[in-house]
Amino acid sequence: MGRAVFFLFITALALQAATIEATFDAPAGSINGLGWENGVLWAIDTETTTAFSINPATGAVTGTLDIEYIPG
């Protein structure tokens, strides 16, 4: 119980310090997942089974990958 409360407290502090730096439109209509790796934002569209690499500073799509979507 103590660890859970501590974790929630730390999470709340982190969220209070968070700010929105920029916003941009999603690259597709069915984005169901986001990821971050080496300065690249990844967005997964499960309708077209495409992964989009996105420049987080500009929102520009810098590449795409065809993926196999496995629900669940």
PDB file of N, CA and C in Angstrom:
ATOM      1  N   MET A   1       0.825  -1.200   0.000  1.00  0.00           N
ATOM      2  CA  MET A   1       0.000   0.000   0.000  1.00  0.00           C
ATOM      3  C   MET A   1       0.866   1.258   0.000  1.00  0.00           C
ATOM      4  N   GLY A   2       1.922   1.267   0.804  1.00  0.00           N
ATOM      5  CA  GLY A   2       2.794   2.427   0.897  1.00  0.00           C
ATOM      6  C   GLY A   2       3.479   2.744  -0.413  1.00  0.00           C
ATOM      7  N   ARG A   3       3.933   1.699  -1.138  1.00  0.00           N
ATOM      8  CA  ARG A   3       4.587   1.918  -2.420  1.00  0.00           C
ATOM      9  C   ARG A   3       3.622   2.509  -3.438  1.00  0.00           C
ATOM     10  N   ALA A   4       2.386   2.025  -3.439  1.00  0.00           N
ATOM     11  CA  ALA A   4       1.390   2.526  -4.398  1.00  0.00           C
ATOM     12  C   ALA A   4       1.108   4.007  -4.147  1.00  0.00           C
ATOM     13  N   VAL A   5       0.974   4.390  -2.899  1.00  0.00           N
ATOM     14  CA  VAL A   5       0.713   5.793  -2.564  1.00  0.00           C
ATOM     15  C   VAL A   5       1.912   6.654  -2.971  1.00  0.00           C
ATOM     16  N   PHE A   6       3.121   6.173  -2.706  1.00  0.00           N
ATOM     17  CA  PHE A   6       4.324   6.912  -3.085  1.00  0.00           C
ATOM     18  C   PHE A   6       4.389   7.083  -4.603  1.00  0.00           C
ATOM     19  N   PHE A   7       4.099   6.003  -5.345  1.00  0.00           N
ATOM     20  CA  PHE A   7       4.103   6.061  -6.803  1.00  0.00           C
ATOM     21  C   PHE A   7       3.081   7.068  -7.308  1.00  0.00           C
ATOM     22  N   LEU A   8       1.879   7.056  -6.762  1.00  0.00           N
ATOM     23  CA  LEU A   8       0.843   8.002  -7.177  1.00  0.00           C
ATOM     24  C   LEU A   8       1.261   9.443  -6.863  1.00  0.00           C
ATOM     25  N   PHE A   9       1.904   9.638  -5.740  1.00  0.00           N
ATOM     26  CA  PHE A   9       2.376  10.972  -5.368  1.00  0.00           C
ATOM     27  C   PHE A   9       3.421  11.471  -6.364  1.00  0.00           C
ATOM     28  N   ILE A  10       4.392  10.637  -6.689  1.00  0.00           N
ATOM     29  CA  ILE A  10       5.441  11.013  -7.643  1.00  0.00           C
ATOM     30  C   ILE A  10       4.827  11.270  -9.022  1.00  0.00           C
ATOM     31  N   THR A  11       3.877  10.427  -9.433  1.00  0.00           N
ATOM     32  CA  THR A  11       3.209  10.612 -10.722  1.00  0.00           C
ATOM     33  C   THR A  11       2.458  11.942 -10.753  1.00  0.00           C
ATOM     34  N   ALA A  12       1.772  12.267  -9.684  1.00  0.00           N
ATOM     35  CA  ALA A  12       1.036  13.536  -9.610  1.00  0.00           C
ATOM     36  C   ALA A  12       1.990  14.726  -9.707  1.00  0.00           C
ATOM     37  N   LEU A  13       3.143  14.639  -9.049  1.00  0.00           N
ATOM     38  CA  LEU A  13       4.125  15.721  -9.142  1.00  0.00           C
ATOM     39  C   LEU A  13       4.648  15.868 -10.566  1.00  0.00           C
ATOM     40  N   ALA A  14       4.911  14.760 -11.220  1.00  0.00           N
ATOM     41  CA  ALA A  14       5.419  14.803 -12.595  1.00  0.00           C
ATOM     42  C   ALA A  14       4.388  15.415 -13.533  1.00  0.00           C
ATOM     43  N   LEU A  15       3.130  15.075 -13.353  1.00  0.00           N
ATOM     44  CA  LEU A  15       2.081  15.610 -14.222  1.00  0.00           C
ATOM     45  C   LEU A  15       1.882  17.106 -13.997  1.00  0.00           C
ATOM     46  N   GLN A  16       2.053  17.567 -12.789  1.00  0.00           N
ATOM     47  CA  GLN A  16       1.923  18.992 -12.517  1.00  0.00           C
ATOM     48  C   GLN A  16       3.017  19.788 -13.223  1.00  0.00           C
ATOM     49  N   ALA A  17       4.184  19.183 -13.376  1.00  0.00           N
ATOM     50  CA  ALA A  17       5.304  19.872 -14.014  1.00  0.00           C
ATOM     51  C   ALA A  17       5.244  19.770 -15.541  1.00  0.00           C
ATOM     52  N   ALA A  18       4.386  18.930 -16.086  1.00  0.00           N
ATOM     53  CA  ALA A  18       4.313  18.733 -17.533  1.00  0.00           C
ATOM     54  C   ALA A  18       3.639  19.926 -18.204  1.00  0.00           C
ATOM     55  N   THR A  19       4.131  20.259 -19.382  1.00  0.00           N
ATOM     56  CA  THR A  19       3.524  21.320 -20.173  1.00  0.00           C
ATOM     57  C   THR A  19       3.368  20.836 -21.607  1.00  0.00           C
ATOM     58  N   ILE A  20       2.400  21.374 -22.295  1.00  0.00           N
ATOM     59  CA  ILE A  20       2.213  21.062 -23.712  1.00  0.00           C
ATOM     60  C   ILE A  20       3.126  21.979 -24.500  1.00  0.00           C
ATOM     61  N   GLU A  21       4.047  21.391 -25.248  1.00  0.00           N
ATOM     62  CA  GLU A  21       5.007  22.160 -26.038  1.00  0.00           C
ATOM     63  C   GLU A  21       4.454  22.514 -27.413  1.00  0.00           C
ATOM     64  N   ALA A  22       3.710  21.582 -28.024  1.00  0.00           N
ATOM     65  CA  ALA A  22       3.177  21.801 -29.364  1.00  0.00           C
ATOM     66  C   ALA A  22       2.060  20.797 -29.606  1.00  0.00           C
ATOM     67  N   THR A  23       1.206  21.120 -30.549  1.00  0.00           N
ATOM     68  CA  THR A  23       0.173  20.183 -30.978  1.00  0.00           C
ATOM     69  C   THR A  23       0.200  20.105 -32.501  1.00  0.00           C
ATOM     70  N   PHE A  24      -0.232  18.960 -33.024  1.00  0.00           N
ATOM     71  CA  PHE A  24      -0.342  18.788 -34.467  1.00  0.00           C
ATOM     72  C   PHE A  24      -1.350  17.695 -34.745  1.00  0.00           C
ATOM     73  N   ASP A  25      -1.854  17.679 -35.967  1.00  0.00           N
ATOM     74  CA  ASP A  25      -2.842  16.685 -36.354  1.00  0.00           C
ATOM     75  C   ASP A  25      -2.219  15.294 -36.442  1.00  0.00           C
ATOM     76  N   ALA A  26      -3.016  14.292 -36.138  1.00  0.00           N
ATOM     77  CA  ALA A  26      -2.573  12.900 -36.275  1.00  0.00           C
ATOM     78  C   ALA A  26      -2.383  12.588 -37.760  1.00  0.00           C
ATOM     79  N   PRO A  27      -1.450  11.707 -38.088  1.00  0.00           N
ATOM     80  CA  PRO A  27      -1.192  11.401 -39.495  1.00  0.00           C
ATOM     81  C   PRO A  27      -2.252  10.511 -40.147  1.00  0.00           C
ATOM     82  N   ALA A  28      -3.152   9.945 -39.339  1.00  0.00           N
ATOM     83  CA  ALA A  28      -4.208   9.080 -39.860  1.00  0.00           C
ATOM     84  C   ALA A  28      -5.377   9.095 -38.883  1.00  0.00           C
ATOM     85  N   GLY A  29      -6.481   8.493 -39.304  1.00  0.00           N
ATOM     86  CA  GLY A  29      -7.701   8.576 -38.507  1.00  0.00           C
ATOM     87  C   GLY A  29      -7.883   7.541 -37.422  1.00  0.00           C
ATOM     88  N   SER A  30      -7.076   6.494 -37.397  1.00  0.00           N
ATOM     89  CA  SER A  30      -7.268   5.429 -36.409  1.00  0.00           C
ATOM     90  C   SER A  30      -6.014   5.179 -35.595  1.00  0.00           C
ATOM     91  N   ILE A  31      -5.419   6.242 -35.069  1.00  0.00           N
ATOM     92  CA  ILE A  31      -4.219   6.087 -34.249  1.00  0.00           C
ATOM     93  C   ILE A  31      -4.626   5.463 -32.917  1.00  0.00           C
ATOM     94  N   ASN A  32      -4.061   4.297 -32.638  1.00  0.00           N
ATOM     95  CA  ASN A  32      -4.390   3.571 -31.413  1.00  0.00           C
ATOM     96  C   ASN A  32      -3.203   3.379 -30.495  1.00  0.00           C
ATOM     97  N   GLY A  33      -2.057   3.897 -30.863  1.00  0.00           N
ATOM     98  CA  GLY A  33      -0.896   3.747 -30.005  1.00  0.00           C
ATOM     99  C   GLY A  33       0.183   4.744 -30.364  1.00  0.00           C
ATOM    100  N   LEU A  34       0.929   5.153 -29.339  1.00  0.00           N
ATOM    101  CA  LEU A  34       2.055   6.061 -29.523  1.00  0.00           C
ATOM    102  C   LEU A  34       3.279   5.459 -28.849  1.00  0.00           C
ATOM    103  N   GLY A  35       4.425   5.768 -29.386  1.00  0.00           N
ATOM    104  CA  GLY A  35       5.675   5.318 -28.788  1.00  0.00           C
ATOM    105  C   GLY A  35       6.746   6.370 -28.994  1.00  0.00           C
ATOM    106  N   TRP A  36       7.830   6.236 -28.254  1.00  0.00           N
ATOM    107  CA  TRP A  36       8.931   7.190 -28.331  1.00  0.00           C
ATOM    108  C   TRP A  36      10.231   6.409 -28.356  1.00  0.00           C
ATOM    109  N   GLU A  37      11.102   6.717 -29.319  1.00  0.00           N
ATOM    110  CA  GLU A  37      12.404   6.064 -29.383  1.00  0.00           C
ATOM    111  C   GLU A  37      13.411   6.984 -30.060  1.00  0.00           C
ATOM    112  N   ASN A  38      14.513   7.239 -29.371  1.00  0.00           N
ATOM    113  CA  ASN A  38      15.619   8.024 -29.922  1.00  0.00           C
ATOM    114  C   ASN A  38      15.174   9.338 -30.565  1.00  0.00           C
ATOM    115  N   GLY A  39      14.280  10.057 -29.907  1.00  0.00           N
ATOM    116  CA  GLY A  39      13.848  11.355 -30.401  1.00  0.00           C
ATOM    117  C   GLY A  39      12.793  11.320 -31.481  1.00  0.00           C
ATOM    118  N   VAL A  40      12.252  10.140 -31.763  1.00  0.00           N
ATOM    119  CA  VAL A  40      11.209   9.990 -32.787  1.00  0.00           C
ATOM    120  C   VAL A  40       9.917   9.553 -32.115  1.00  0.00           C
ATOM    121  N   LEU A  41       8.830  10.220 -32.478  1.00  0.00           N
ATOM    122  CA  LEU A  41       7.499   9.828 -32.029  1.00  0.00           C
ATOM    123  C   LEU A  41       6.931   8.846 -33.047  1.00  0.00           C
ATOM    124  N   TRP A  42       6.434   7.719 -32.571  1.00  0.00           N
ATOM    125  CA  TRP A  42       5.805   6.717 -33.447  1.00  0.00           C
ATOM    126  C   TRP A  42       4.313   6.683 -33.173  1.00  0.00           C
ATOM    127  N   ALA A  43       3.516   6.644 -34.228  1.00  0.00           N
ATOM    128  CA  ALA A  43       2.060   6.537 -34.121  1.00  0.00           C
ATOM    129  C   ALA A  43       1.617   5.314 -34.918  1.00  0.00           C
ATOM    130  N   ILE A  44       0.768   4.500 -34.327  1.00  0.00           N
ATOM    131  CA  ILE A  44       0.298   3.271 -34.964  1.00  0.00           C
ATOM    132  C   ILE A  44      -1.159   3.445 -35.383  1.00  0.00           C
ATOM    133  N   ASP A  45      -1.425   3.232 -36.662  1.00  0.00           N
ATOM    134  CA  ASP A  45      -2.793   3.257 -37.193  1.00  0.00           C
ATOM    135  C   ASP A  45      -3.205   1.811 -37.442  1.00  0.00           C
ATOM    136  N   THR A  46      -4.158   1.328 -36.634  1.00  0.00           N
ATOM    137  CA  THR A  46      -4.567  -0.074 -36.745  1.00  0.00           C
ATOM    138  C   THR A  46      -5.515  -0.320 -37.910  1.00  0.00           C
ATOM    139  N   GLU A  47      -6.122   0.731 -38.442  1.00  0.00           N
ATOM    140  CA  GLU A  47      -7.028   0.546 -39.586  1.00  0.00           C
ATOM    141  C   GLU A  47      -6.243   0.275 -40.870  1.00  0.00           C
ATOM    142  N   THR A  48      -5.172   1.025 -41.069  1.00  0.00           N
ATOM    143  CA  THR A  48      -4.360   0.825 -42.275  1.00  0.00           C
ATOM    144  C   THR A  48      -3.125  -0.022 -42.002  1.00  0.00           C
ATOM    145  N   THR A  49      -2.966  -0.472 -40.754  1.00  0.00           N
ATOM    146  CA  THR A  49      -1.790  -1.234 -40.279  1.00  0.00           C
ATOM    147  C   THR A  49      -0.487  -0.564 -40.715  1.00  0.00           C
ATOM    148  N   THR A  50      -0.375   0.705 -40.338  1.00  0.00           N
ATOM    149  CA  THR A  50       0.792   1.505 -40.675  1.00  0.00           C
ATOM    150  C   THR A  50       1.360   2.140 -39.410  1.00  0.00           C
ATOM    151  N   ALA A  51       2.687   2.132 -39.304  1.00  0.00           N
ATOM    152  CA  ALA A  51       3.378   2.867 -38.249  1.00  0.00           C
ATOM    153  C   ALA A  51       3.995   4.105 -38.885  1.00  0.00           C
ATOM    154  N   PHE A  52       3.762   5.254 -38.280  1.00  0.00           N
ATOM    155  CA  PHE A  52       4.277   6.523 -38.782  1.00  0.00           C
ATOM    156  C   PHE A  52       5.387   7.012 -37.861  1.00  0.00           C
ATOM    157  N   SER A  53       6.541   7.362 -38.419  1.00  0.00           N
ATOM    158  CA  SER A  53       7.561   8.039 -37.626  1.00  0.00           C
ATOM    159  C   SER A  53       7.338   9.535 -37.820  1.00  0.00           C
ATOM    160  N   ILE A  54       7.334  10.260 -36.703  1.00  0.00           N
ATOM    161  CA  ILE A  54       6.957  11.672 -36.711  1.00  0.00           C
ATOM    162  C   ILE A  54       8.046  12.502 -36.040  1.00  0.00           C
ATOM    163  N   ASN A  55       8.400  13.609 -36.669  1.00  0.00           N
ATOM    164  CA  ASN A  55       9.301  14.568 -36.053  1.00  0.00           C
ATOM    165  C   ASN A  55       8.496  15.294 -34.974  1.00  0.00           C
ATOM    166  N   PRO A  56       8.834  15.135 -33.701  1.00  0.00           N
ATOM    167  CA  PRO A  56       8.017  15.736 -32.644  1.00  0.00           C
ATOM    168  C   PRO A  56       8.066  17.258 -32.600  1.00  0.00           C
ATOM    169  N   ALA A  57       9.062  17.862 -33.202  1.00  0.00           N
ATOM    170  CA  ALA A  57       9.165  19.321 -33.204  1.00  0.00           C
ATOM    171  C   ALA A  57       8.243  19.957 -34.232  1.00  0.00           C
ATOM    172  N   THR A  58       8.023  19.250 -35.356  1.00  0.00           N
ATOM    173  CA  THR A  58       7.239  19.840 -36.446  1.00  0.00           C
ATOM    174  C   THR A  58       5.929  19.112 -36.722  1.00  0.00           C
ATOM    175  N   GLY A  59       5.832  17.859 -36.287  1.00  0.00           N
ATOM    176  CA  GLY A  59       4.657  17.052 -36.594  1.00  0.00           C
ATOM    177  C   GLY A  59       4.715  16.416 -37.973  1.00  0.00           C
ATOM    178  N   ALA A  60       5.826  16.622 -38.683  1.00  0.00           N
ATOM    179  CA  ALA A  60       5.963  16.071 -40.030  1.00  0.00           C
ATOM    180  C   ALA A  60       6.221  14.567 -39.977  1.00  0.00           C
ATOM    181  N   VAL A  61       5.533  13.824 -40.836  1.00  0.00           N
ATOM    182  CA  VAL A  61       5.773  12.390 -40.963  1.00  0.00           C
ATOM    183  C   VAL A  61       7.087  12.211 -41.717  1.00  0.00           C
ATOM    184  N   THR A  62       8.018  11.492 -41.101  1.00  0.00           N
ATOM    185  CA  THR A  62       9.338  11.310 -41.711  1.00  0.00           C
ATOM    186  C   THR A  62       9.508   9.930 -42.324  1.00  0.00           C
ATOM    187  N   GLY A  63       8.528   9.048 -42.110  1.00  0.00           N
ATOM    188  CA  GLY A  63       8.591   7.715 -42.698  1.00  0.00           C
ATOM    189  C   GLY A  63       7.401   6.879 -42.267  1.00  0.00           C
ATOM    190  N   THR A  64       7.190   5.780 -42.960  1.00  0.00           N
ATOM    191  CA  THR A  64       6.109   4.865 -42.608  1.00  0.00           C
ATOM    192  C   THR A  64       6.619   3.429 -42.703  1.00  0.00           C
ATOM    193  N   LEU A  65       5.981   2.559 -41.945  1.00  0.00           N
ATOM    194  CA  LEU A  65       6.255   1.119 -41.995  1.00  0.00           C
ATOM    195  C   LEU A  65       4.928   0.390 -42.057  1.00  0.00           C
ATOM    196  N   ASP A  66       4.823  -0.604 -42.929  1.00  0.00           N
ATOM    197  CA  ASP A  66       3.660  -1.490 -42.914  1.00  0.00           C
ATOM    198  C   ASP A  66       3.863  -2.473 -41.779  1.00  0.00           C
ATOM    199  N   ILE A  67       2.826  -2.674 -40.984  1.00  0.00           N
ATOM    200  CA  ILE A  67       2.922  -3.563 -39.832  1.00  0.00           C
ATOM    201  C   ILE A  67       1.793  -4.588 -39.873  1.00  0.00           C
ATOM    202  N   GLU A  68       1.973  -5.637 -39.106  1.00  0.00           N
ATOM    203  CA  GLU A  68       0.894  -6.605 -38.924  1.00  0.00           C
ATOM    204  C   GLU A  68       0.277  -6.308 -37.557  1.00  0.00           C
ATOM    205  N   TYR A  69      -0.992  -5.965 -37.552  1.00  0.00           N
ATOM    206  CA  TYR A  69      -1.668  -5.634 -36.315  1.00  0.00           C
ATOM    207  C   TYR A  69      -2.258  -6.879 -35.697  1.00  0.00           C
ATOM    208  N   ILE A  70      -1.925  -7.111 -34.450  1.00  0.00           N
ATOM    209  CA  ILE A  70      -2.481  -8.245 -33.712  1.00  0.00           C
ATOM    210  C   ILE A  70      -3.287  -7.683 -32.552  1.00  0.00           C
ATOM    211  N   PRO A  71      -4.616  -7.756 -32.597  1.00  0.00           N
ATOM    212  CA  PRO A  71      -5.449  -7.198 -31.535  1.00  0.00           C
ATOM    213  C   PRO A  71      -5.122  -7.782 -30.162  1.00  0.00           C
ATOM    214  N   GLY A  72      -5.274  -6.942 -29.137  1.00  0.00           N
ATOM    215  CA  GLY A  72      -5.101  -7.410 -27.774  1.00  0.00           C
ATOM    216  C   GLY A  72      -3.733  -7.222 -27.306  1.00  0.00           C
TER     217      GLY A  72
END
